[in-house]
PDB file of all heavy atoms in Angstrom:
ATOM      1  N   PHE A   1      24.961 -13.147-142.001  1.00  0.00           N
ATOM      2  CA  PHE A   1      25.957 -13.883-142.812  1.00  0.00           C
ATOM      3  C   PHE A   1      25.255 -15.106-143.434  1.00  0.00           C
ATOM      4  O   PHE A   1      24.638 -15.866-142.803  1.00  0.00           O
ATOM      5  CB  PHE A   1      27.186 -14.383-141.916  1.00  0.00           C
ATOM      6  CG  PHE A   1      28.132 -13.277-141.584  1.00  0.00           C
ATOM      7  CD1 PHE A   1      27.899 -12.330-140.569  1.00  0.00           C
ATOM      8  CD2 PHE A   1      29.330 -13.211-142.301  1.00  0.00           C
ATOM      9  CE1 PHE A   1      28.749 -11.337-140.312  1.00  0.00           C
ATOM     10  CE2 PHE A   1      30.255 -12.198-141.972  1.00  0.00           C
ATOM     11  CZ  PHE A   1      29.982 -11.270-140.984  1.00  0.00           C
ATOM     12  N   TRP A   2      25.443 -15.287-144.725  1.00  0.00           N
ATOM     13  CA  TRP A   2      24.663 -16.348-145.518  1.00  0.00           C
ATOM     14  C   TRP A   2      25.452 -16.729-146.739  1.00  0.00           C
ATOM     15  O   TRP A   2      26.516 -16.218-147.086  1.00  0.00           O
ATOM     16  CB  TRP A   2      23.310 -15.734-145.822  1.00  0.00           C
ATOM     17  CG  TRP A   2      23.367 -14.611-146.995  1.00  0.00           C
ATOM     18  CD1 TRP A   2      23.859 -13.374-146.775  1.00  0.00           C
ATOM     19  CD2 TRP A   2      23.046 -14.775-148.291  1.00  0.00           C
ATOM     20  NE1 TRP A   2      23.687 -12.660-147.952  1.00  0.00           N
ATOM     21  CE2 TRP A   2      23.243 -13.464-148.920  1.00  0.00           C
ATOM     22  CE3 TRP A   2      22.463 -15.855-149.021  1.00  0.00           C
ATOM     23  CZ2 TRP A   2      22.926 -13.231-150.269  1.00  0.00           C
ATOM     24  CZ3 TRP A   2      22.176 -15.517-150.403  1.00  0.00           C
ATOM     25  CH2 TRP A   2      22.416 -14.251-150.962  1.00  0.00           C
ATOM     26  N   ALA A   3      24.909 -17.724-147.379  1.00  0.00           N
ATOM     27  CA  ALA A   3      25.470 -18.178-148.694  1.00  0.00           C
ATOM     28  C   ALA A   3      24.256 -18.798-149.499  1.00  0.00           C
ATOM     29  O   ALA A   3      23.238 -19.287-148.897  1.00  0.00           O
ATOM     30  CB  ALA A   3      26.513 -19.154-148.550  1.00  0.00           C
ATOM     31  N   THR A   4      24.292 -18.831-150.773  1.00  0.00           N
ATOM     32  CA  THR A   4      23.287 -19.295-151.660  1.00  0.00           C
ATOM     33  C   THR A   4      23.098 -20.779-151.465  1.00  0.00           C
ATOM     34  O   THR A   4      21.947 -21.310-151.674  1.00  0.00           O
ATOM     35  CB  THR A   4      23.527 -18.968-153.107  1.00  0.00           C
ATOM     36  OG1 THR A   4      24.741 -19.578-153.609  1.00  0.00           O
ATOM     37  CG2 THR A   4      23.651 -17.478-153.416  1.00  0.00           C
ATOM     38  N   TRP A   5      24.167 -21.484-151.113  1.00  0.00           N
ATOM     39  CA  TRP A   5      24.075 -23.014-151.008  1.00  0.00           C
ATOM     40  C   TRP A   5      23.668 -23.442-149.614  1.00  0.00           C
ATOM     41  O   TRP A   5      23.530 -24.613-149.386  1.00  0.00           O
ATOM     42  CB  TRP A   5      25.418 -23.574-151.306  1.00  0.00           C
ATOM     43  CG  TRP A   5      26.624 -22.888-150.675  1.00  0.00           C
ATOM     44  CD1 TRP A   5      27.440 -21.983-151.298  1.00  0.00           C
ATOM     45  CD2 TRP A   5      27.124 -23.077-149.388  1.00  0.00           C
ATOM     46  NE1 TRP A   5      28.356 -21.556-150.398  1.00  0.00           N
ATOM     47  CE2 TRP A   5      28.163 -22.206-149.243  1.00  0.00           C
ATOM     48  CE3 TRP A   5      26.618 -23.817-148.274  1.00  0.00           C
ATOM     49  CZ2 TRP A   5      28.877 -22.058-148.009  1.00  0.00           C
ATOM     50  CZ3 TRP A   5      27.353 -23.756-147.116  1.00  0.00           C
ATOM     51  CH2 TRP A   5      28.437 -22.800-147.020  1.00  0.00           C
ATOM     52  N   CYS A   6      23.354 -22.523-148.780  1.00  0.00           N
ATOM     53  CA  CYS A   6      23.029 -22.822-147.322  1.00  0.00           C
ATOM     54  C   CYS A   6      21.497 -22.751-147.160  1.00  0.00           C
ATOM     55  O   CYS A   6      20.835 -21.743-147.314  1.00  0.00           O
ATOM     56  CB  CYS A   6      23.696 -21.800-146.389  1.00  0.00           C
ATOM     57  SG  CYS A   6      23.021 -21.755-144.779  1.00  0.00           S
ATOM     58  N   GLY A   7      20.909 -24.051-146.985  1.00  0.00           N
ATOM     59  CA  GLY A   7      19.469 -24.153-146.842  1.00  0.00           C
ATOM     60  C   GLY A   7      18.843 -23.139-145.841  1.00  0.00           C
ATOM     61  O   GLY A   7      17.901 -22.433-146.145  1.00  0.00           O
ATOM     62  N   PRO A   8      19.220 -23.199-144.597  1.00  0.00           N
ATOM     63  CA  PRO A   8      18.631 -22.343-143.518  1.00  0.00           C
ATOM     64  C   PRO A   8      18.836 -20.870-143.884  1.00  0.00           C
ATOM     65  O   PRO A   8      17.978 -20.110-143.549  1.00  0.00           O
ATOM     66  CB  PRO A   8      19.445 -22.679-142.312  1.00  0.00           C
ATOM     67  CG  PRO A   8      19.819 -24.123-142.510  1.00  0.00           C
ATOM     68  CD  PRO A   8      20.132 -24.124-143.974  1.00  0.00           C
ATOM     69  N   CYS A   9      19.933 -20.543-144.620  1.00  0.00           N
ATOM     70  CA  CYS A   9      20.082 -19.103-145.045  1.00  0.00           C
ATOM     71  C   CYS A   9      19.018 -18.703-145.938  1.00  0.00           C
ATOM     72  O   CYS A   9      18.410 -17.667-145.792  1.00  0.00           O
ATOM     73  CB  CYS A   9      21.461 -18.987-145.709  1.00  0.00           C
ATOM     74  SG  CYS A   9      22.933 -19.398-144.730  1.00  0.00           S
ATOM     75  N   ARG A  10      18.679 -19.563-146.892  1.00  0.00           N
ATOM     76  CA  ARG A  10      17.637 -19.269-147.819  1.00  0.00           C
ATOM     77  C   ARG A  10      16.290 -19.179-147.196  1.00  0.00           C
ATOM     78  O   ARG A  10      15.449 -18.340-147.515  1.00  0.00           O
ATOM     79  CB  ARG A  10      17.586 -20.278-148.985  1.00  0.00           C
ATOM     80  CG  ARG A  10      18.892 -20.335-149.855  1.00  0.00           C
ATOM     81  CD  ARG A  10      18.678 -21.155-151.055  1.00  0.00           C
ATOM     82  NE  ARG A  10      18.218 -22.545-150.756  1.00  0.00           N
ATOM     83  CZ  ARG A  10      19.142 -23.502-150.626  1.00  0.00           C
ATOM     84  NH1 ARG A  10      20.455 -23.315-150.787  1.00  0.00           N
ATOM     85  NH2 ARG A  10      18.783 -24.800-150.421  1.00  0.00           N
ATOM     86  N   GLU A  11      16.020 -20.071-146.161  1.00  0.00           N
ATOM     87  CA  GLU A  11      14.795 -20.048-145.472  1.00  0.00           C
ATOM     88  C   GLU A  11      14.513 -18.753-144.719  1.00  0.00           C
ATOM     89  O   GLU A  11      13.377 -18.370-144.575  1.00  0.00           O
ATOM     90  CB  GLU A  11      14.781 -21.269-144.535  1.00  0.00           C
ATOM     91  CG  GLU A  11      14.713 -22.555-145.095  1.00  0.00           C
ATOM     92  CD  GLU A  11      13.379 -22.906-145.713  1.00  0.00           C
ATOM     93  OE1 GLU A  11      12.331 -22.340-145.222  1.00  0.00           O
ATOM     94  OE2 GLU A  11      13.322 -23.629-146.750  1.00  0.00           O
ATOM     95  N   GLU A  12      15.592 -18.111-144.180  1.00  0.00           N
ATOM     96  CA  GLU A  12      15.340 -16.956-143.297  1.00  0.00           C
ATOM     97  C   GLU A  12      15.300 -15.637-144.110  1.00  0.00           C
ATOM     98  O   GLU A  12      14.972 -14.588-143.527  1.00  0.00           O
ATOM     99  CB  GLU A  12      16.385 -16.865-142.233  1.00  0.00           C
ATOM    100  CG  GLU A  12      17.807 -16.552-142.658  1.00  0.00           C
ATOM    101  CD  GLU A  12      18.809 -16.522-141.540  1.00  0.00           C
ATOM    102  OE1 GLU A  12      18.394 -16.928-140.360  1.00  0.00           O
ATOM    103  OE2 GLU A  12      19.959 -16.265-141.751  1.00  0.00           O
ATOM    104  N   ILE A  13      15.689 -15.668-145.396  1.00  0.00           N
ATOM    105  CA  ILE A  13      15.712 -14.433-146.128  1.00  0.00           C
ATOM    106  C   ILE A  13      14.319 -13.749-146.186  1.00  0.00           C
ATOM    107  O   ILE A  13      14.199 -12.480-145.987  1.00  0.00           O
ATOM    108  CB  ILE A  13      16.302 -14.629-147.558  1.00  0.00           C
ATOM    109  CG1 ILE A  13      17.829 -14.796-147.422  1.00  0.00           C
ATOM    110  CG2 ILE A  13      16.079 -13.431-148.452  1.00  0.00           C
ATOM    111  CD1 ILE A  13      18.498 -15.217-148.742  1.00  0.00           C
ATOM    112  N   PRO A  14      13.221 -14.467-146.483  1.00  0.00           N
ATOM    113  CA  PRO A  14      11.892 -13.770-146.446  1.00  0.00           C
ATOM    114  C   PRO A  14      11.655 -13.121-145.092  1.00  0.00           C
ATOM    115  O   PRO A  14      11.050 -12.041-145.052  1.00  0.00           O
ATOM    116  CB  PRO A  14      10.927 -14.949-146.729  1.00  0.00           C
ATOM    117  CG  PRO A  14      11.739 -15.888-147.542  1.00  0.00           C
ATOM    118  CD  PRO A  14      13.162 -15.841-146.942  1.00  0.00           C
ATOM    119  N   LEU A  15      12.065 -13.704-143.975  1.00  0.00           N
ATOM    120  CA  LEU A  15      11.830 -13.116-142.674  1.00  0.00           C
ATOM    121  C   LEU A  15      12.664 -11.794-142.593  1.00  0.00           C
ATOM    122  O   LEU A  15      12.130 -10.825-142.050  1.00  0.00           O
ATOM    123  CB  LEU A  15      12.292 -14.092-141.621  1.00  0.00           C
ATOM    124  CG  LEU A  15      12.288 -13.552-140.129  1.00  0.00           C
ATOM    125  CD1 LEU A  15      10.911 -13.040-139.754  1.00  0.00           C
ATOM    126  CD2 LEU A  15      12.868 -14.569-139.172  1.00  0.00           C
ATOM    127  N   LEU A  16      13.887 -11.823-143.019  1.00  0.00           N
ATOM    128  CA  LEU A  16      14.689 -10.674-142.954  1.00  0.00           C
ATOM    129  C   LEU A  16      14.047  -9.439-143.754  1.00  0.00           C
ATOM    130  O   LEU A  16      14.056  -8.325-143.302  1.00  0.00           O
ATOM    131  CB  LEU A  16      16.108 -10.924-143.460  1.00  0.00           C
ATOM    132  CG  LEU A  16      16.931 -11.936-142.661  1.00  0.00           C
ATOM    133  CD1 LEU A  16      18.244 -12.268-143.393  1.00  0.00           C
ATOM    134  CD2 LEU A  16      17.246 -11.295-141.276  1.00  0.00           C
ATOM    135  N   LYS A  17      13.480  -9.791-144.878  1.00  0.00           N
ATOM    136  CA  LYS A  17      12.832  -8.713-145.721  1.00  0.00           C
ATOM    137  C   LYS A  17      11.620  -8.227-144.904  1.00  0.00           C
ATOM    138  O   LYS A  17      11.340  -6.957-144.947  1.00  0.00           O
ATOM    139  CB  LYS A  17      12.409  -9.335-147.025  1.00  0.00           C
ATOM    140  CG  LYS A  17      13.554  -9.725-147.999  1.00  0.00           C
ATOM    141  CD  LYS A  17      13.137 -10.559-149.138  1.00  0.00           C
ATOM    142  CE  LYS A  17      12.201  -9.736-150.065  1.00  0.00           C
ATOM    143  NZ  LYS A  17      11.733 -10.519-151.282  1.00  0.00           N
ATOM    144  N   THR A  18      10.858  -9.149-144.321  1.00  0.00           N
ATOM    145  CA  THR A  18       9.719  -8.678-143.533  1.00  0.00           C
ATOM    146  C   THR A  18      10.086  -7.831-142.307  1.00  0.00           C
ATOM    147  O   THR A  18       9.480  -6.758-142.091  1.00  0.00           O
ATOM    148  CB  THR A  18       8.904  -9.935-143.092  1.00  0.00           C
ATOM    149  OG1 THR A  18       8.438 -10.660-144.199  1.00  0.00           O
ATOM    150  CG2 THR A  18       7.782  -9.517-142.218  1.00  0.00           C
ATOM    151  N   LEU A  19      11.128  -8.255-141.620  1.00  0.00           N
ATOM    152  CA  LEU A  19      11.547  -7.452-140.456  1.00  0.00           C
ATOM    153  C   LEU A  19      11.970  -6.063-140.867  1.00  0.00           C
ATOM    154  O   LEU A  19      11.671  -5.088-140.118  1.00  0.00           O
ATOM    155  CB  LEU A  19      12.730  -8.193-139.764  1.00  0.00           C
ATOM    156  CG  LEU A  19      12.452  -9.489-139.085  1.00  0.00           C
ATOM    157  CD1 LEU A  19      13.717 -10.161-138.641  1.00  0.00           C
ATOM    158  CD2 LEU A  19      11.474  -9.361-137.926  1.00  0.00           C
ATOM    159  N   ARG A  20      12.688  -5.961-141.923  1.00  0.00           N
ATOM    160  CA  ARG A  20      13.077  -4.614-142.397  1.00  0.00           C
ATOM    161  C   ARG A  20      11.944  -3.720-142.728  1.00  0.00           C
ATOM    162  O   ARG A  20      11.892  -2.548-142.351  1.00  0.00           O
ATOM    163  CB  ARG A  20      13.915  -4.836-143.733  1.00  0.00           C
ATOM    164  CG  ARG A  20      14.514  -3.527-144.251  1.00  0.00           C
ATOM    165  CD  ARG A  20      15.488  -3.861-145.376  1.00  0.00           C
ATOM    166  NE  ARG A  20      16.170  -2.724-145.888  1.00  0.00           N
ATOM    167  CZ  ARG A  20      15.958  -2.023-146.999  1.00  0.00           C
ATOM    168  NH1 ARG A  20      14.991  -2.516-147.808  1.00  0.00           N
ATOM    169  NH2 ARG A  20      16.631  -1.023-147.434  1.00  0.00           N
ATOM    170  N   ALA A  21      10.842  -4.298-143.303  1.00  0.00           N
ATOM    171  CA  ALA A  21       9.677  -3.519-143.619  1.00  0.00           C
ATOM    172  C   ALA A  21       8.950  -3.167-142.372  1.00  0.00           C
ATOM    173  O   ALA A  21       8.384  -2.078-142.165  1.00  0.00           O
ATOM    174  CB  ALA A  21       8.818  -4.274-144.587  1.00  0.00           C
ATOM    175  N   GLN A  22       8.706  -4.210-141.430  1.00  0.00           N
ATOM    176  CA  GLN A  22       7.942  -3.916-140.226  1.00  0.00           C
ATOM    177  C   GLN A  22       8.565  -2.922-139.342  1.00  0.00           C
ATOM    178  O   GLN A  22       7.840  -2.288-138.531  1.00  0.00           O
ATOM    179  CB  GLN A  22       7.789  -5.318-139.526  1.00  0.00           C
ATOM    180  CG  GLN A  22       6.810  -6.271-140.231  1.00  0.00           C
ATOM    181  CD  GLN A  22       6.726  -7.559-139.472  1.00  0.00           C
ATOM    182  OE1 GLN A  22       7.624  -7.944-138.675  1.00  0.00           O
ATOM    183  NE2 GLN A  22       5.672  -8.338-139.769  1.00  0.00           N
ATOM    184  N   HIS A  23       9.876  -2.857-139.295  1.00  0.00           N
ATOM    185  CA  HIS A  23      10.617  -1.969-138.428  1.00  0.00           C
ATOM    186  C   HIS A  23      11.187  -0.683-139.126  1.00  0.00           C
ATOM    187  O   HIS A  23      12.218  -0.154-138.666  1.00  0.00           O
ATOM    188  CB  HIS A  23      11.724  -2.683-137.683  1.00  0.00           C
ATOM    189  CG  HIS A  23      11.255  -3.815-136.791  1.00  0.00           C
ATOM    190  ND1 HIS A  23      10.983  -3.545-135.436  1.00  0.00           N
ATOM    191  CD2 HIS A  23      10.797  -5.089-137.020  1.00  0.00           C
ATOM    192  CE1 HIS A  23      10.466  -4.705-134.879  1.00  0.00           C
ATOM    193  NE2 HIS A  23      10.429  -5.612-135.841  1.00  0.00           N
ATOM    194  N   ALA A  24      10.547  -0.337-140.192  1.00  0.00           N
ATOM    195  CA  ALA A  24      11.050   0.798-140.972  1.00  0.00           C
ATOM    196  C   ALA A  24      10.981   2.050-140.075  1.00  0.00           C
ATOM    197  O   ALA A  24      11.806   2.932-140.165  1.00  0.00           O
ATOM    198  CB  ALA A  24      10.179   1.036-142.185  1.00  0.00           C
ATOM    199  N   GLN A  25      10.016   2.147-139.172  1.00  0.00           N
ATOM    200  CA  GLN A  25       9.828   3.314-138.353  1.00  0.00           C
ATOM    201  C   GLN A  25      11.035   3.442-137.318  1.00  0.00           C
ATOM    202  O   GLN A  25      11.342   4.564-136.873  1.00  0.00           O
ATOM    203  CB  GLN A  25       8.495   3.253-137.574  1.00  0.00           C
ATOM    204  CG  GLN A  25       8.426   2.248-136.375  1.00  0.00           C
ATOM    205  CD  GLN A  25       8.079   0.934-136.947  1.00  0.00           C
ATOM    206  OE1 GLN A  25       7.985   0.625-138.171  1.00  0.00           O
ATOM    207  NE2 GLN A  25       7.705  -0.034-136.016  1.00  0.00           N
ATOM    208  N   ASP A  26      11.717   2.308-137.058  1.00  0.00           N
ATOM    209  CA  ASP A  26      12.879   2.313-136.147  1.00  0.00           C
ATOM    210  C   ASP A  26      14.124   2.484-136.923  1.00  0.00           C
ATOM    211  O   ASP A  26      15.216   2.511-136.433  1.00  0.00           O
ATOM    212  CB  ASP A  26      12.972   0.986-135.399  1.00  0.00           C
ATOM    213  CG  ASP A  26      11.781   0.754-134.532  1.00  0.00           C
ATOM    214  OD1 ASP A  26      11.201   1.735-133.954  1.00  0.00           O
ATOM    215  OD2 ASP A  26      11.279  -0.388-134.415  1.00  0.00           O
ATOM    216  N   ARG A  27      13.998   2.649-138.329  1.00  0.00           N
ATOM    217  CA  ARG A  27      15.120   2.787-139.143  1.00  0.00           C
ATOM    218  C   ARG A  27      16.063   1.576-139.159  1.00  0.00           C
ATOM    219  O   ARG A  27      17.268   1.628-139.476  1.00  0.00           O
ATOM    220  CB  ARG A  27      15.936   4.050-138.875  1.00  0.00           C
ATOM    221  CG  ARG A  27      15.117   5.294-138.965  1.00  0.00           C
ATOM    222  CD  ARG A  27      15.947   6.590-138.706  1.00  0.00           C
ATOM    223  NE  ARG A  27      16.846   6.811-139.808  1.00  0.00           N
ATOM    224  CZ  ARG A  27      18.257   6.752-139.692  1.00  0.00           C
ATOM    225  NH1 ARG A  27      18.793   6.512-138.521  1.00  0.00           N
ATOM    226  NH2 ARG A  27      19.040   6.975-140.732  1.00  0.00           N
ATOM    227  N   LEU A  28      15.431   0.429-138.911  1.00  0.00           N
ATOM    228  CA  LEU A  28      16.192  -0.819-138.986  1.00  0.00           C
ATOM    229  C   LEU A  28      16.704  -1.101-140.403  1.00  0.00           C
ATOM    230  O   LEU A  28      16.045  -1.005-141.345  1.00  0.00           O
ATOM    231  CB  LEU A  28      15.277  -2.050-138.501  1.00  0.00           C
ATOM    232  CG  LEU A  28      15.971  -3.455-138.689  1.00  0.00           C
ATOM    233  CD1 LEU A  28      17.086  -3.593-137.591  1.00  0.00           C
ATOM    234  CD2 LEU A  28      14.892  -4.449-138.536  1.00  0.00           C
ATOM    235  N   GLU A  29      17.996  -1.494-140.432  1.00  0.00           N
ATOM    236  CA  GLU A  29      18.542  -1.873-141.667  1.00  0.00           C
ATOM    237  C   GLU A  29      19.063  -3.346-141.518  1.00  0.00           C
ATOM    238  O   GLU A  29      19.630  -3.732-140.485  1.00  0.00           O
ATOM    239  CB  GLU A  29      19.697  -0.947-142.167  1.00  0.00           C
ATOM    240  CG  GLU A  29      20.206  -1.272-143.514  1.00  0.00           C
ATOM    241  CD  GLU A  29      19.187  -1.176-144.674  1.00  0.00           C
ATOM    242  OE1 GLU A  29      18.386  -2.127-144.732  1.00  0.00           O
ATOM    243  OE2 GLU A  29      19.179  -0.149-145.370  1.00  0.00           O
ATOM    244  N   VAL A  30      18.928  -4.128-142.634  1.00  0.00           N
ATOM    245  CA  VAL A  30      19.510  -5.462-142.713  1.00  0.00           C
ATOM    246  C   VAL A  30      20.633  -5.441-143.687  1.00  0.00           C
ATOM    247  O   VAL A  30      20.403  -4.845-144.738  1.00  0.00           O
ATOM    248  CB  VAL A  30      18.444  -6.505-143.168  1.00  0.00           C
ATOM    249  CG1 VAL A  30      19.069  -7.803-143.380  1.00  0.00           C
ATOM    250  CG2 VAL A  30      17.239  -6.469-142.222  1.00  0.00           C
ATOM    251  N   ILE A  31      21.770  -5.923-143.318  1.00  0.00           N
ATOM    252  CA  ILE A  31      22.953  -5.997-144.212  1.00  0.00           C
ATOM    253  C   ILE A  31      23.284  -7.449-144.393  1.00  0.00           C
ATOM    254  O   ILE A  31      23.541  -8.196-143.374  1.00  0.00           O
ATOM    255  CB  ILE A  31      24.244  -5.308-143.595  1.00  0.00           C
ATOM    256  CG1 ILE A  31      23.800  -3.919-143.142  1.00  0.00           C
ATOM    257  CG2 ILE A  31      25.335  -5.288-144.607  1.00  0.00           C
ATOM    258  CD1 ILE A  31      23.496  -2.920-144.240  1.00  0.00           C
ATOM    259  N   GLY A  32      23.187  -7.978-145.590  1.00  0.00           N
ATOM    260  CA  GLY A  32      23.523  -9.386-145.834  1.00  0.00           C
ATOM    261  C   GLY A  32      24.916  -9.462-146.350  1.00  0.00           C
ATOM    262  O   GLY A  32      25.314  -8.758-147.204  1.00  0.00           O
ATOM    263  N   ILE A  33      25.733 -10.222-145.640  1.00  0.00           N
ATOM    264  CA  ILE A  33      27.171 -10.480-145.964  1.00  0.00           C
ATOM    265  C   ILE A  33      27.155 -11.931-146.602  1.00  0.00           C
ATOM    266  O   ILE A  33      27.048 -12.875-145.925  1.00  0.00           O
ATOM    267  CB  ILE A  33      28.130 -10.299-144.825  1.00  0.00           C
ATOM    268  CG1 ILE A  33      28.067  -8.899-144.315  1.00  0.00           C
ATOM    269  CG2 ILE A  33      29.530 -10.711-145.278  1.00  0.00           C
ATOM    270  CD1 ILE A  33      29.076  -8.539-143.267  1.00  0.00           C
ATOM    271  N   ALA A  34      27.359 -12.040-147.851  1.00  0.00           N
ATOM    272  CA  ALA A  34      27.314 -13.286-148.584  1.00  0.00           C
ATOM    273  C   ALA A  34      28.746 -13.862-148.667  1.00  0.00           C
ATOM    274  O   ALA A  34      29.616 -13.213-149.203  1.00  0.00           O
ATOM    275  CB  ALA A  34      26.687 -13.095-149.994  1.00  0.00           C
ATOM    276  N   ILE A  35      28.882 -15.077-148.091  1.00  0.00           N
ATOM    277  CA  ILE A  35      30.207 -15.739-148.249  1.00  0.00           C
ATOM    278  C   ILE A  35      30.015 -16.738-149.378  1.00  0.00           C
ATOM    279  O   ILE A  35      29.738 -17.967-149.150  1.00  0.00           O
ATOM    280  CB  ILE A  35      30.567 -16.435-146.922  1.00  0.00           C
ATOM    281  CG1 ILE A  35      30.511 -15.388-145.796  1.00  0.00           C
ATOM    282  CG2 ILE A  35      31.935 -17.062-147.027  1.00  0.00           C
ATOM    283  CD1 ILE A  35      30.869 -15.953-144.417  1.00  0.00           C
ATOM    284  N   ASP A  36      30.222 -16.212-150.585  1.00  0.00           N
ATOM    285  CA  ASP A  36      29.862 -16.998-151.793  1.00  0.00           C
ATOM    286  C   ASP A  36      30.477 -16.266-153.018  1.00  0.00           C
ATOM    287  O   ASP A  36      30.945 -15.197-152.910  1.00  0.00           O
ATOM    288  CB  ASP A  36      28.346 -17.038-151.943  1.00  0.00           C
ATOM    289  CG  ASP A  36      27.834 -18.340-152.581  1.00  0.00           C
ATOM    290  OD1 ASP A  36      28.616 -18.870-153.346  1.00  0.00           O
ATOM    291  OD2 ASP A  36      26.689 -18.708-152.389  1.00  0.00           O
ATOM    292  N   ALA A  37      30.337 -16.954-154.139  1.00  0.00           N
ATOM    293  CA  ALA A  37      30.837 -16.381-155.425  1.00  0.00           C
ATOM    294  C   ALA A  37      29.910 -15.291-155.857  1.00  0.00           C
ATOM    295  O   ALA A  37      28.635 -15.352-155.747  1.00  0.00           O
ATOM    296  CB  ALA A  37      30.850 -17.475-156.394  1.00  0.00           C
TER     297      ALA A  37
END
């Protein structure tokens, strides 16, 4: 759960992208739910 105006949310997005790529063999999926316009 994130929003564009939330600083820590923006900070962790690169990590989420990396985790999804690193754990592709586990079929890990990341779903971002944006509480924003």
